[in-house]
């Protein structure tokens, strides 16, 4: 009976460790996705501003 109890506790500990590892990886992935969305938004705004500036510059010199 003692051996079964130790096996169950060992199994639970390994399951909790695996779950914690998965949560940490998921958290890292979410942080990376958030950073990528921020970068894409900044890049899109920069590209739009550059396009607008180039268009205005071209209009003034034509």
Protein backbone atom coordinates (compact mmCIF):
# COMPACT_ATOMS: atom_id res chain seq x y z
CA UNK A 1 0.00 0.00 0.00
CA UNK A 2 2.86 2.35 0.84
CA UNK A 3 4.41 1.75 -2.59
CA UNK A 4 1.16 2.62 -4.42
CA UNK A 5 0.92 5.84 -2.45
CA UNK A 6 4.48 6.81 -3.40
CA UNK A 7 3.81 5.99 -7.06
CA UNK A 8 0.66 8.13 -7.09
CA UNK A 9 2.45 11.04 -5.44
CA UNK A 10 5.34 10.71 -7.88
CA UNK A 11 2.92 10.69 -10.81
CA UNK A 12 1.11 13.76 -9.51
CA UNK A 13 4.40 15.61 -9.01
CA UNK A 14 5.52 14.82 -12.55
CA UNK A 15 2.13 15.90 -13.94
CA UNK A 16 2.29 19.20 -12.06
CA UNK A 17 5.85 19.83 -13.25
CA UNK A 18 4.82 19.15 -16.83
CA UNK A 19 1.81 21.43 -16.47
CA UNK A 20 3.99 24.20 -15.02
CA UNK A 21 6.47 23.84 -17.90
CA UNK A 22 3.61 24.05 -20.40
CA UNK A 23 2.22 27.18 -18.73
CA UNK A 24 5.64 28.85 -18.79
CA UNK A 25 6.08 28.06 -22.49
CA UNK A 26 2.56 29.29 -23.25
CA UNK A 27 3.27 32.51 -21.36
CA UNK A 28 6.48 33.02 -23.37
CA UNK A 29 4.59 32.43 -26.61
CA UNK A 30 1.90 34.95 -25.64
CA UNK A 31 4.55 37.53 -24.80
CA UNK A 32 6.22 36.94 -28.17
CA UNK A 33 2.89 37.27 -29.99
CA UNK A 34 2.15 40.53 -28.15
CA UNK A 35 5.57 41.89 -29.08
CA UNK A 36 5.07 40.87 -32.71
CA UNK A 37 1.67 42.60 -32.87
CA UNK A 38 3.21 45.74 -31.40
CA UNK A 39 6.05 45.62 -33.92
CA UNK A 40 3.67 45.07 -36.83
CA UNK A 41 1.48 48.00 -35.75
CA UNK A 42 4.52 50.29 -35.45
CA UNK A 43 5.87 49.10 -38.79
CA UNK A 44 2.51 49.63 -40.49
CA UNK A 45 2.22 53.15 -39.07
CA UNK A 46 5.77 53.96 -40.19
CA UNK A 47 5.10 52.62 -43.68
CA UNK A 48 1.90 54.66 -43.94
CA UNK A 49 3.68 57.83 -42.79
CA UNK A 50 6.52 57.22 -45.24
CA UNK A 51 4.07 56.66 -48.11
CA UNK A 52 2.16 59.84 -47.22
CA UNK A 53 5.38 61.86 -46.99
CA UNK A 54 6.68 60.55 -50.32
CA UNK A 55 3.35 61.28 -51.99
CA UNK A 56 3.29 64.86 -50.65
CA UNK A 57 6.92 65.39 -51.67
CA UNK A 58 6.21 64.14 -55.18
CA UNK A 59 3.13 66.32 -55.50
CA UNK A 60 5.05 69.47 -54.49
CA UNK A 61 7.84 68.88 -57.02
CA UNK A 62 5.67 68.02 -60.01
